[in-house]
């Protein structure tokens, strides 16, 4: 791992940010493009989407060791809560031309999905179960040095 790599011990929700994606308006509809290393600071290796999410259901509930993600509300709205072990922030996504960039080492939870919402996730890596931290107590242990500062 590179010396400047983002890890659970040095990540911060301040490293996460809303990304305005290009919006091309036309009389016959709008178009938004996401290109790797252009709008987002990583090469795209995986894209997936969540839909038909029942009311009251929570998604996410994990962090990643190395994966970067851009989360976009393609349709509808939902909340994303990000947590770095010290502070947390909830962001409502409801525009298809705006995404939330999440860096490695950040716990994320998605909830409050509106009816018919579609959540697209653009990721820097292929699926790898070993990259996930799925237990919040383990996450808190990995971020313990941040709490001592």
C-alpha atoms as a PDB file:
ATOM      1  CA  UNK A   1       0.000   0.000   0.000  1.00  0.00           C
ATOM      2  CA  UNK A   2       1.369   3.428  -0.883  1.00  0.00           C
ATOM      3  CA  UNK A   3       2.366   5.790   1.917  1.00  0.00           C
ATOM      4  CA  UNK A   4      -0.318   8.268   0.838  1.00  0.00           C
ATOM      5  CA  UNK A   5      -3.073   5.660   0.558  1.00  0.00           C
ATOM      6  CA  UNK A   6      -6.349   6.422   2.293  1.00  0.00           C
ATOM      7  CA  UNK A   7      -7.062   3.942   5.088  1.00  0.00           C
ATOM      8  CA  UNK A   8      -9.560   3.655   7.917  1.00  0.00           C
ATOM      9  CA  UNK A   9      -7.106   5.356  10.255  1.00  0.00           C
ATOM     10  CA  UNK A  10      -6.566   8.449   8.071  1.00  0.00           C
ATOM     11  CA  UNK A  11      -9.830   8.813   6.164  1.00  0.00           C
ATOM     12  CA  UNK A  12     -12.238  11.624   6.937  1.00  0.00           C
ATOM     13  CA  UNK A  13     -15.720  12.539   5.779  1.00  0.00           C
ATOM     14  CA  UNK A  14     -14.093  15.824   4.758  1.00  0.00           C
ATOM     15  CA  UNK A  15     -12.449  13.849   1.928  1.00  0.00           C
ATOM     16  CA  UNK A  16     -15.892  12.902   0.636  1.00  0.00           C
ATOM     17  CA  UNK A  17     -17.668  15.469  -1.505  1.00  0.00           C
ATOM     18  CA  UNK A  18     -20.577  16.164  -3.764  1.00  0.00           C
ATOM     19  CA  UNK A  19     -19.559  15.991  -7.407  1.00  0.00           C
ATOM     20  CA  UNK A  20     -21.464  18.022  -9.987  1.00  0.00           C
ATOM     21  CA  UNK A  21     -21.666  15.958 -13.146  1.00  0.00           C
ATOM     22  CA  UNK A  22     -21.952  17.580 -16.538  1.00  0.00           C
ATOM     23  CA  UNK A  23     -25.564  18.191 -17.493  1.00  0.00           C
ATOM     24  CA  UNK A  24     -26.275  18.682 -21.171  1.00  0.00           C
ATOM     25  CA  UNK A  25     -29.741  20.144 -21.689  1.00  0.00           C
ATOM     26  CA  UNK A  26     -31.536  19.536 -24.964  1.00  0.00           C
ATOM     27  CA  UNK A  27     -35.121  20.193 -25.981  1.00  0.00           C
ATOM     28  CA  UNK A  28     -35.614  16.429 -26.259  1.00  0.00           C
ATOM     29  CA  UNK A  29     -34.161  15.638 -22.813  1.00  0.00           C
ATOM     30  CA  UNK A  30     -31.059  15.910 -20.690  1.00  0.00           C
ATOM     31  CA  UNK A  31     -27.843  13.914 -20.803  1.00  0.00           C
ATOM     32  CA  UNK A  32     -25.269  13.427 -18.045  1.00  0.00           C
ATOM     33  CA  UNK A  33     -21.919  11.742 -18.631  1.00  0.00           C
ATOM     34  CA  UNK A  34     -19.565  10.201 -16.059  1.00  0.00           C
ATOM     35  CA  UNK A  35     -16.029   9.580 -17.284  1.00  0.00           C
ATOM     36  CA  UNK A  36     -13.280   8.035 -15.230  1.00  0.00           C
ATOM     37  CA  UNK A  37     -10.446  10.332 -14.187  1.00  0.00           C
ATOM     38  CA  UNK A  38     -12.484  13.297 -15.452  1.00  0.00           C
ATOM     39  CA  UNK A  39     -15.502  13.965 -13.207  1.00  0.00           C
ATOM     40  CA  UNK A  40     -14.307  11.370 -10.698  1.00  0.00           C
ATOM     41  CA  UNK A  41     -10.755  10.746  -9.451  1.00  0.00           C
ATOM     42  CA  UNK A  42     -10.582   7.046 -10.316  1.00  0.00           C
ATOM     43  CA  UNK A  43     -10.845   4.606 -13.193  1.00  0.00           C
ATOM     44  CA  UNK A  44     -14.260   2.950 -13.338  1.00  0.00           C
ATOM     45  CA  UNK A  45     -14.102  -0.814 -12.899  1.00  0.00           C
ATOM     46  CA  UNK A  46     -17.653  -1.594 -11.771  1.00  0.00           C
ATOM     47  CA  UNK A  47     -21.106  -0.028 -11.956  1.00  0.00           C
ATOM     48  CA  UNK A  48     -24.268  -1.334 -10.353  1.00  0.00           C
ATOM     49  CA  UNK A  49     -27.644   0.023  -9.343  1.00  0.00           C
ATOM     50  CA  UNK A  50     -30.201  -0.528  -6.602  1.00  0.00           C
ATOM     51  CA  UNK A  51     -33.925  -0.325  -7.314  1.00  0.00           C
ATOM     52  CA  UNK A  52     -37.311  -1.622  -6.092  1.00  0.00           C
ATOM     53  CA  UNK A  53     -36.154  -0.993  -2.531  1.00  0.00           C
ATOM     54  CA  UNK A  54     -39.006  -1.567  -0.062  1.00  0.00           C
ATOM     55  CA  UNK A  55     -39.947   1.287   2.267  1.00  0.00           C
ATOM     56  CA  UNK A  56     -37.987   1.408   5.508  1.00  0.00           C
ATOM     57  CA  UNK A  57     -35.110  -0.717   4.189  1.00  0.00           C
ATOM     58  CA  UNK A  58     -31.507   0.317   4.806  1.00  0.00           C
ATOM     59  CA  UNK A  59     -28.705  -0.501   2.357  1.00  0.00           C
ATOM     60  CA  UNK A  60     -24.956  -0.217   2.669  1.00  0.00           C
ATOM     61  CA  UNK A  61     -23.953  -0.577   6.291  1.00  0.00           C
ATOM     62  CA  UNK A  62     -20.262  -1.164   5.585  1.00  0.00           C
ATOM     63  CA  UNK A  63     -16.966   0.482   4.692  1.00  0.00           C
ATOM     64  CA  UNK A  64     -14.256  -0.393   2.197  1.00  0.00           C
ATOM     65  CA  UNK A  65     -10.518  -0.775   2.637  1.00  0.00           C
ATOM     66  CA  UNK A  66      -9.525   0.448  -0.850  1.00  0.00           C
ATOM     67  CA  UNK A  67     -12.669   1.092  -2.912  1.00  0.00           C
ATOM     68  CA  UNK A  68     -13.782   4.562  -4.018  1.00  0.00           C
ATOM     69  CA  UNK A  69     -17.442   5.032  -4.947  1.00  0.00           C
ATOM     70  CA  UNK A  70     -19.589   7.660  -6.583  1.00  0.00           C
ATOM     71  CA  UNK A  71     -23.235   7.273  -5.526  1.00  0.00           C
ATOM     72  CA  UNK A  72     -25.906   8.923  -7.704  1.00  0.00           C
ATOM     73  CA  UNK A  73     -29.691   9.125  -7.379  1.00  0.00           C
ATOM     74  CA  UNK A  74     -30.597   8.328 -10.988  1.00  0.00           C
ATOM     75  CA  UNK A  75     -34.271   8.645 -10.085  1.00  0.00           C
ATOM     76  CA  UNK A  76     -36.047   9.648  -6.888  1.00  0.00           C
ATOM     77  CA  UNK A  77     -34.243  10.436  -3.666  1.00  0.00           C
ATOM     78  CA  UNK A  78     -32.524   8.809  -0.706  1.00  0.00           C
ATOM     79  CA  UNK A  79     -30.201   9.713   2.168  1.00  0.00           C
ATOM     80  CA  UNK A  80     -26.569   8.641   2.485  1.00  0.00           C
ATOM     81  CA  UNK A  81     -25.009   8.859   5.934  1.00  0.00           C
ATOM     82  CA  UNK A  82     -21.219   8.818   5.964  1.00  0.00           C
ATOM     83  CA  UNK A  83     -19.208   8.193   9.133  1.00  0.00           C
ATOM     84  CA  UNK A  84     -15.433   8.352   9.618  1.00  0.00           C
ATOM     85  CA  UNK A  85     -15.383   7.102  13.206  1.00  0.00           C
ATOM     86  CA  UNK A  86     -15.319  10.628  14.663  1.00  0.00           C
ATOM     87  CA  UNK A  87     -18.116  12.472  12.905  1.00  0.00           C
ATOM     88  CA  UNK A  88     -20.971  11.685  10.589  1.00  0.00           C
ATOM     89  CA  UNK A  89     -22.953  13.566   7.978  1.00  0.00           C
ATOM     90  CA  UNK A  90     -26.179  12.806   6.141  1.00  0.00           C
ATOM     91  CA  UNK A  91     -26.489  13.882   2.514  1.00  0.00           C
ATOM     92  CA  UNK A  92     -29.734  13.711   0.537  1.00  0.00           C
ATOM     93  CA  UNK A  93     -29.195  12.724  -3.076  1.00  0.00           C
ATOM     94  CA  UNK A  94     -32.029  13.655  -5.433  1.00  0.00           C
ATOM     95  CA  UNK A  95     -30.439  14.936  -8.652  1.00  0.00           C
ATOM     96  CA  UNK A  96     -29.181  12.655 -11.439  1.00  0.00           C
ATOM     97  CA  UNK A  97     -26.396  15.115 -12.267  1.00  0.00           C
ATOM     98  CA  UNK A  98     -24.912  15.116  -8.755  1.00  0.00           C
ATOM     99  CA  UNK A  99     -23.120  12.295  -6.967  1.00  0.00           C
ATOM    100  CA  UNK A 100     -21.495  11.703  -3.605  1.00  0.00           C
ATOM    101  CA  UNK A 101     -17.849  10.662  -3.798  1.00  0.00           C
ATOM    102  CA  UNK A 102     -16.956   8.325  -0.934  1.00  0.00           C
ATOM    103  CA  UNK A 103     -13.312   7.517  -0.226  1.00  0.00           C
ATOM    104  CA  UNK A 104     -12.001   4.290   1.370  1.00  0.00           C
ATOM    105  CA  UNK A 105     -12.351   3.953   5.133  1.00  0.00           C
ATOM    106  CA  UNK A 106     -15.770   5.619   5.395  1.00  0.00           C
ATOM    107  CA  UNK A 107     -18.828   3.812   6.783  1.00  0.00           C
ATOM    108  CA  UNK A 108     -21.887   4.434   4.634  1.00  0.00           C
ATOM    109  CA  UNK A 109     -25.595   3.778   5.110  1.00  0.00           C
ATOM    110  CA  UNK A 110     -28.302   4.435   2.513  1.00  0.00           C
ATOM    111  CA  UNK A 111     -31.908   4.864   3.655  1.00  0.00           C
ATOM    112  CA  UNK A 112     -35.171   6.752   3.196  1.00  0.00           C
ATOM    113  CA  UNK A 113     -35.547   5.667  -0.432  1.00  0.00           C
ATOM    114  CA  UNK A 114     -38.448   7.376  -2.174  1.00  0.00           C
ATOM    115  CA  UNK A 115     -40.846   5.247  -4.190  1.00  0.00           C
ATOM    116  CA  UNK A 116     -39.346   4.373  -7.565  1.00  0.00           C
ATOM    117  CA  UNK A 117     -35.861   5.569  -6.674  1.00  0.00           C
ATOM    118  CA  UNK A 118     -32.826   4.182  -8.486  1.00  0.00           C
ATOM    119  CA  UNK A 119     -29.368   4.405  -6.907  1.00  0.00           C
ATOM    120  CA  UNK A 120     -26.352   4.012  -9.201  1.00  0.00           C
ATOM    121  CA  UNK A 121     -22.967   3.170  -7.702  1.00  0.00           C
ATOM    122  CA  UNK A 122     -19.816   3.699  -9.740  1.00  0.00           C
ATOM    123  CA  UNK A 123     -16.809   1.942  -8.208  1.00  0.00           C
ATOM    124  CA  UNK A 124     -13.042   2.015  -8.572  1.00  0.00           C
ATOM    125  CA  UNK A 125     -12.586  -1.746  -8.166  1.00  0.00           C
ATOM    126  CA  UNK A 126     -14.264  -5.020  -9.065  1.00  0.00           C
ATOM    127  CA  UNK A 127     -16.233  -6.756  -6.311  1.00  0.00           C
ATOM    128  CA  UNK A 128     -13.927  -8.190  -3.636  1.00  0.00           C
ATOM    129  CA  UNK A 129     -15.464  -9.420  -0.373  1.00  0.00           C
ATOM    130  CA  UNK A 130     -12.091  -8.999   1.362  1.00  0.00           C
ATOM    131  CA  UNK A 131     -12.324  -5.227   0.767  1.00  0.00           C
ATOM    132  CA  UNK A 132     -15.445  -4.909   2.960  1.00  0.00           C
ATOM    133  CA  UNK A 133     -15.666  -4.106   6.663  1.00  0.00           C
ATOM    134  CA  UNK A 134     -19.216  -5.174   7.518  1.00  0.00           C
ATOM    135  CA  UNK A 135     -19.062  -5.037  11.307  1.00  0.00           C
ATOM    136  CA  UNK A 136     -19.413  -1.549  12.799  1.00  0.00           C
ATOM    137  CA  UNK A 137     -17.447  -2.498  15.936  1.00  0.00           C
ATOM    138  CA  UNK A 138     -14.531  -3.648  13.755  1.00  0.00           C
ATOM    139  CA  UNK A 139     -14.813  -0.369  11.815  1.00  0.00           C
ATOM    140  CA  UNK A 140     -14.647   1.603  15.073  1.00  0.00           C
ATOM    141  CA  UNK A 141     -11.527  -0.345  16.116  1.00  0.00           C
ATOM    142  CA  UNK A 142      -9.855   0.471  12.789  1.00  0.00           C
ATOM    143  CA  UNK A 143     -10.642   4.160  13.284  1.00  0.00           C
ATOM    144  CA  UNK A 144      -9.664   4.251  16.991  1.00  0.00           C
ATOM    145  CA  UNK A 145      -6.531   6.361  16.460  1.00  0.00           C
ATOM    146  CA  UNK A 146      -8.695   9.161  14.998  1.00  0.00           C
ATOM    147  CA  UNK A 147     -10.751   9.334  18.185  1.00  0.00           C
ATOM    148  CA  UNK A 148      -7.585   9.886  20.258  1.00  0.00           C
ATOM    149  CA  UNK A 149      -6.558  13.026  18.325  1.00  0.00           C
END
